[in-house]
Amino acid sequence: MNVKDEIPVGYTILFMLGAYAFGFNLHNIIHELGHAISIWIQGGKVTGFYFHPFNACLNFSTYVPNHILLYAGGAFIGGASTIIFPVLAWKFRSPLMVPLVMACSAGFISTSKWMLIAPFSNAFSDYSSMISLGVPAGLILLAGILYLIIGVLTLILYLPLLGIDDKTSMMRRLLIFELGILPYQLFSCIYLWLVNDHQPLFMLINLIISAGFLVIIALLSKWLPVWFSFFRKMSPEKTYKSHIVTVWAGVFILVAVMLLVSVKPEGIN
């Protein structure tokens, strides 16, 4: 019997949602640690971290001489290091590796978004700051394209760990992508609207763009294994209830740790 016929789609959606929540937050932690490394190697001192599952994550430090290195540390030291997770998943092919794969894939994709808009927007980000300090906008744009490609291809390559292969129907994979990722982004938008007074229309547009982007990934995930045998090298795995429980337990533990270790220096709200 085909794996897709043995696993209720609801199981896979719930597992995907937990894996995305865990991976996205783990990436944010590693991203901030990348900034911290860039601070430490310049002789600076990290004075605090702020982590939140639905808000921007930040770190605070003393002055450092090279701010380009400071801003670059998140994506090019921290974020880039998450590539080790897909390498481990290639060796240990278990559904429980999916949250780690998501730390790389979701992290690269979300980072690419900020890189790609930095040359065309005044919105504050690490990458707009790097451009204002003299880094060529084209270089940031190329990095964004590269990060986007790595993130998308990594996600597609490891979909079999979710029981999704080239035989999985388009409707099933669309349900898994949309309902396994968008709800987390929706909760983030609601939080930012209620707490940070973000514009709801802007966030709605972002959600619509995300939904369309997920459709494109779903289409690519159906076609690429047909075109390239490399994307068929991983056999589909079954998602059991124990996997779902384990992943969601990991989410709650990770979020609790994030909130507990968040320390803002005095005088910063």
Protein backbone atom coordinates (compact mmCIF):
# COMPACT_ATOMS: atom_id res chain seq x y z
CA MET A 1 0.00 0.00 0.00
CA ASN A 2 1.28 3.46 -0.88
CA VAL A 3 2.40 5.59 2.08
CA LYS A 4 0.02 8.39 1.14
CA ASP A 5 -2.94 6.00 1.50
CA GLU A 6 -1.84 4.82 4.94
CA ILE A 7 -1.35 8.19 6.65
CA PRO A 8 -4.34 10.49 7.36
CA VAL A 9 -3.63 13.87 5.83
CA GLY A 10 -4.51 15.53 9.13
CA TYR A 11 -1.58 13.78 10.79
CA THR A 12 0.81 15.14 8.20
CA ILE A 13 -0.62 18.66 8.42
CA LEU A 14 -0.32 18.71 12.21
CA PHE A 15 3.20 17.32 12.00
CA MET A 16 4.19 19.85 9.32
CA LEU A 17 2.82 22.72 11.42
CA GLY A 18 4.81 21.62 14.45
CA ALA A 19 7.94 21.04 12.39
CA TYR A 20 7.63 24.49 10.83
CA ALA A 21 7.06 26.19 14.20
CA PHE A 22 10.05 24.40 15.72
CA GLY A 23 12.34 24.97 12.72
CA PHE A 24 11.44 28.63 12.25
CA ASN A 25 12.13 29.44 15.89
CA LEU A 26 15.30 27.37 16.02
CA HIS A 27 16.54 29.26 12.98
CA ASN A 28 15.84 32.58 14.72
CA ILE A 29 17.92 31.48 17.70
CA ILE A 30 20.81 30.37 15.50
CA HIS A 31 20.53 33.57 13.46
CA GLU A 32 20.95 35.68 16.59
CA LEU A 33 23.84 33.49 17.73
CA GLY A 34 25.45 34.26 14.37
CA HIS A 35 25.22 37.96 15.22
CA ALA A 36 26.67 37.18 18.64
CA ILE A 37 29.65 35.40 17.07
CA SER A 38 30.31 38.41 14.83
CA ILE A 39 30.23 40.58 17.94
CA TRP A 40 32.54 38.35 19.97
CA ILE A 41 35.18 38.04 17.25
CA GLN A 42 35.35 41.85 17.16
CA GLY A 43 35.96 42.02 20.90
CA GLY A 44 32.44 43.19 21.72
CA LYS A 45 30.13 41.90 24.43
CA VAL A 46 26.59 40.63 24.03
CA THR A 47 24.51 42.27 26.74
CA GLY A 48 21.21 40.53 26.08
CA PHE A 49 18.95 38.52 23.80
CA TYR A 50 15.26 38.84 23.05
CA PHE A 51 13.46 35.82 21.60
CA HIS A 52 9.75 35.55 20.83
CA PRO A 53 7.85 33.00 18.71
CA PHE A 54 5.66 35.64 17.03
CA ASN A 55 7.85 38.73 17.15
CA ALA A 56 11.24 39.87 15.92
CA CYS A 57 14.22 38.33 17.69
CA LEU A 58 17.06 40.65 18.68
CA ASN A 59 20.37 40.79 20.45
CA PHE A 60 22.00 43.68 22.26
CA SER A 61 25.70 44.42 22.49
CA THR A 62 28.42 46.89 23.20
CA TYR A 63 29.93 48.86 20.33
CA VAL A 64 31.84 46.95 17.64
CA PRO A 65 34.00 48.55 14.92
CA ASN A 66 32.72 46.65 11.87
CA HIS A 67 28.95 46.95 11.58
CA ILE A 68 28.85 45.22 8.20
CA LEU A 69 30.24 42.10 9.88
CA LEU A 70 27.76 42.58 12.71
CA TYR A 71 24.76 42.62 10.35
CA ALA A 72 26.17 39.85 8.15
CA GLY A 73 26.68 37.50 11.09
CA GLY A 74 23.03 36.49 11.33
CA ALA A 75 22.61 35.14 7.80
CA PHE A 76 26.14 34.31 6.77
CA ILE A 77 27.40 32.80 10.03
CA GLY A 78 24.31 31.67 11.92
CA GLY A 79 21.84 30.99 9.13
CA ALA A 80 24.40 29.39 6.83
CA SER A 81 25.43 26.97 9.59
CA THR A 82 21.95 25.38 9.54
CA ILE A 83 22.95 23.58 6.34
CA ILE A 84 24.38 20.94 8.71
CA PHE A 85 20.81 19.86 9.54
CA PRO A 86 19.94 18.57 6.03
CA VAL A 87 23.31 16.81 5.99
CA LEU A 88 22.36 15.00 9.21
CA ALA A 89 18.88 14.23 7.85
CA TRP A 90 20.42 12.61 4.79
CA LYS A 91 22.17 10.17 7.13
CA PHE A 92 19.40 9.71 9.72
CA ARG A 93 16.28 9.49 7.59
CA SER A 94 13.51 9.87 10.13
CA PRO A 95 10.43 12.11 10.29
CA LEU A 96 11.93 13.51 13.50
CA MET A 97 14.63 15.15 11.37
CA VAL A 98 12.01 17.29 9.59
CA PRO A 99 11.97 20.07 12.24
CA LEU A 100 15.75 20.41 11.83
CA VAL A 101 15.43 20.45 8.05
CA MET A 102 12.80 23.17 8.44
CA ALA A 103 15.27 25.22 10.50
CA CYS A 104 17.43 25.33 7.39
CA SER A 105 14.75 25.49 4.70
CA ALA A 106 12.31 27.93 6.35
CA GLY A 107 15.25 29.96 7.63
CA PHE A 108 16.85 30.31 4.21
CA ILE A 109 13.51 31.20 2.59
CA SER A 110 12.55 33.80 5.22
CA THR A 111 16.06 35.30 5.08
CA SER A 112 15.90 35.47 1.27
CA LYS A 113 12.70 37.52 1.50
CA TRP A 114 14.46 40.27 3.45
CA MET A 115 17.50 40.10 1.18
CA LEU A 116 15.37 40.40 -1.96
CA ILE A 117 13.39 43.42 -0.76
CA ALA A 118 16.37 45.25 0.82
CA PRO A 119 17.59 46.88 -2.43
CA PHE A 120 14.08 48.20 -3.17
CA SER A 121 12.75 49.15 0.27
CA ASN A 122 13.63 51.41 3.16
CA ALA A 123 12.31 48.86 5.66
CA PHE A 124 14.92 48.21 8.33
CA SER A 125 16.71 44.87 8.13
CA ASP A 126 20.23 43.52 8.43
CA TYR A 127 20.54 43.68 4.66
CA SER A 128 19.22 47.21 4.12
CA SER A 129 21.67 48.27 6.83
CA MET A 130 24.51 46.51 5.00
CA ILE A 131 23.57 48.32 1.79
CA SER A 132 23.52 51.68 3.58
CA LEU A 133 27.03 50.91 4.84
CA GLY A 134 28.34 50.35 1.33
CA VAL A 135 27.69 46.71 0.45
CA PRO A 136 26.57 46.55 -3.21
CA ALA A 137 22.81 46.05 -3.49
CA GLY A 138 23.38 43.57 -6.31
CA LEU A 139 25.44 41.37 -4.03
CA ILE A 140 22.63 41.25 -1.47
CA LEU A 141 20.16 40.49 -4.26
CA LEU A 142 22.30 37.60 -5.53
CA ALA A 143 22.61 36.25 -1.98
CA GLY A 144 18.82 36.42 -1.67
CA ILE A 145 18.32 34.43 -4.87
CA LEU A 146 20.86 31.82 -3.71
CA TYR A 147 19.22 31.53 -0.28
CA LEU A 148 15.79 31.17 -1.88
CA ILE A 149 16.96 28.37 -4.18
CA ILE A 150 18.68 26.50 -1.33
CA GLY A 151 15.64 26.83 0.93
CA VAL A 152 13.12 25.65 -1.67
CA LEU A 153 15.20 22.75 -3.00
CA THR A 154 16.04 21.57 0.54
CA LEU A 155 12.36 21.51 1.46
CA ILE A 156 11.41 19.59 -1.68
CA LEU A 157 14.26 17.09 -1.31
CA TYR A 158 13.16 16.09 2.21
CA LEU A 159 9.39 15.96 1.66
CA PRO A 160 9.53 12.13 1.61
CA LEU A 161 10.25 12.30 5.36
CA LEU A 162 6.69 13.64 5.56
CA GLY A 163 5.40 10.80 3.41
CA ILE A 164 5.19 13.02 0.31
CA ASP A 165 6.67 11.64 -2.91
CA ASP A 166 6.15 12.11 -6.64
CA LYS A 167 3.00 9.95 -6.48
CA THR A 168 1.30 12.17 -3.89
CA SER A 169 -1.67 14.00 -5.36
CA MET A 170 -1.52 17.77 -5.90
CA MET A 171 -4.56 18.33 -3.69
CA ARG A 172 -2.97 16.47 -0.79
CA ARG A 173 0.33 18.33 -1.04
CA LEU A 174 -1.47 21.69 -1.34
CA LEU A 175 -3.42 20.94 1.85
CA ILE A 176 -0.22 19.99 3.67
CA PHE A 177 1.70 23.06 2.51
CA GLU A 178 -1.06 25.61 3.09
CA LEU A 179 -2.46 24.23 6.36
CA GLY A 180 0.94 23.11 7.63
CA ILE A 181 2.58 26.53 7.36
CA LEU A 182 0.10 29.40 6.94
CA PRO A 183 -1.60 29.01 10.37
CA TYR A 184 1.69 29.81 12.13
CA GLN A 185 2.18 32.87 9.95
CA LEU A 186 -1.44 33.89 10.61
CA PHE A 187 -0.94 33.72 14.39
CA SER A 188 2.23 35.80 14.00
CA CYS A 189 0.29 38.43 12.04
CA ILE A 190 -2.49 38.54 14.63
CA TYR A 191 0.07 38.99 17.41
CA LEU A 192 1.86 41.78 15.54
CA TRP A 193 -1.46 43.49 14.83
CA LEU A 194 -2.71 43.33 18.42
CA VAL A 195 0.58 43.98 20.23
CA ASN A 196 2.79 45.94 17.83
CA ASP A 197 -0.01 47.73 15.95
CA HIS A 198 1.14 46.52 12.54
CA GLN A 199 -1.07 47.42 9.60
CA PRO A 200 -3.56 44.54 8.99
CA LEU A 201 -3.79 45.25 5.23
CA PHE A 202 -0.01 44.93 4.84
CA MET A 203 -0.02 41.65 6.79
CA LEU A 204 -2.98 40.33 4.74
CA ILE A 205 -1.05 41.02 1.54
CA ASN A 206 1.94 39.14 3.01
CA LEU A 207 -0.27 36.15 3.82
CA ILE A 208 -1.71 36.12 0.30
CA ILE A 209 1.80 36.25 -1.17
CA SER A 210 2.88 33.41 1.15
CA ALA A 211 -0.12 31.31 0.09
CA GLY A 212 0.73 31.84 -3.58
CA PHE A 213 4.40 31.06 -2.94
CA LEU A 214 3.41 27.78 -1.26
CA VAL A 215 1.37 26.84 -4.34
CA ILE A 216 4.50 27.35 -6.46
CA ILE A 217 6.55 25.16 -4.11
CA ALA A 218 3.84 22.49 -4.21
CA LEU A 219 3.94 22.51 -8.02
CA LEU A 220 7.73 22.31 -8.06
CA SER A 221 7.64 19.48 -5.53
CA LYS A 222 5.40 17.54 -7.92
CA TRP A 223 7.46 18.23 -11.05
CA LEU A 224 11.08 18.18 -9.90
CA PRO A 225 11.09 14.47 -8.90
CA VAL A 226 9.78 13.68 -12.38
CA TRP A 227 12.45 15.75 -14.08
CA PHE A 228 15.41 14.93 -11.82
CA SER A 229 16.00 11.49 -10.29
CA PHE A 230 18.03 13.05 -7.46
CA PHE A 231 14.77 14.18 -5.83
CA ARG A 232 13.60 10.55 -5.74
CA LYS A 233 16.57 9.24 -3.77
CA MET A 234 14.78 9.43 -0.42
CA SER A 235 12.06 6.89 0.35
CA PRO A 236 8.76 8.09 1.89
CA GLU A 237 8.42 7.65 5.65
CA LYS A 238 5.34 7.14 7.78
CA THR A 239 4.25 9.82 10.24
CA TYR A 240 3.02 8.27 13.48
CA LYS A 241 1.19 9.88 16.38
CA SER A 242 4.37 9.55 18.43
CA HIS A 243 6.19 11.76 15.91
CA ILE A 244 3.49 14.43 16.20
CA VAL A 245 3.55 14.36 20.01
CA THR A 246 7.35 14.52 20.07
CA VAL A 247 7.53 17.46 17.68
CA TRP A 248 4.88 19.51 19.48
CA ALA A 249 6.51 18.77 22.84
CA GLY A 250 9.71 20.09 21.29
CA VAL A 251 7.89 23.25 20.14
CA PHE A 252 6.59 24.02 23.63
CA ILE A 253 9.97 23.34 25.24
CA LEU A 254 11.82 25.47 22.67
CA VAL A 255 9.42 28.40 23.04
CA ALA A 256 9.63 28.18 26.84
CA VAL A 257 13.43 28.25 26.66
CA MET A 258 13.33 31.22 24.25
CA LEU A 259 11.18 33.24 26.62
CA LEU A 260 13.19 32.25 29.70
CA VAL A 261 16.59 33.21 28.28
CA SER A 262 15.37 36.53 26.86
CA VAL A 263 17.11 39.29 28.78
CA LYS A 264 16.94 42.94 27.71
CA PRO A 265 19.48 45.42 29.10
CA GLU A 266 18.08 48.02 31.46
CA GLY A 267 16.52 51.00 29.73
CA ILE A 268 15.39 49.08 26.62
CA ASN A 269 11.67 48.41 26.21
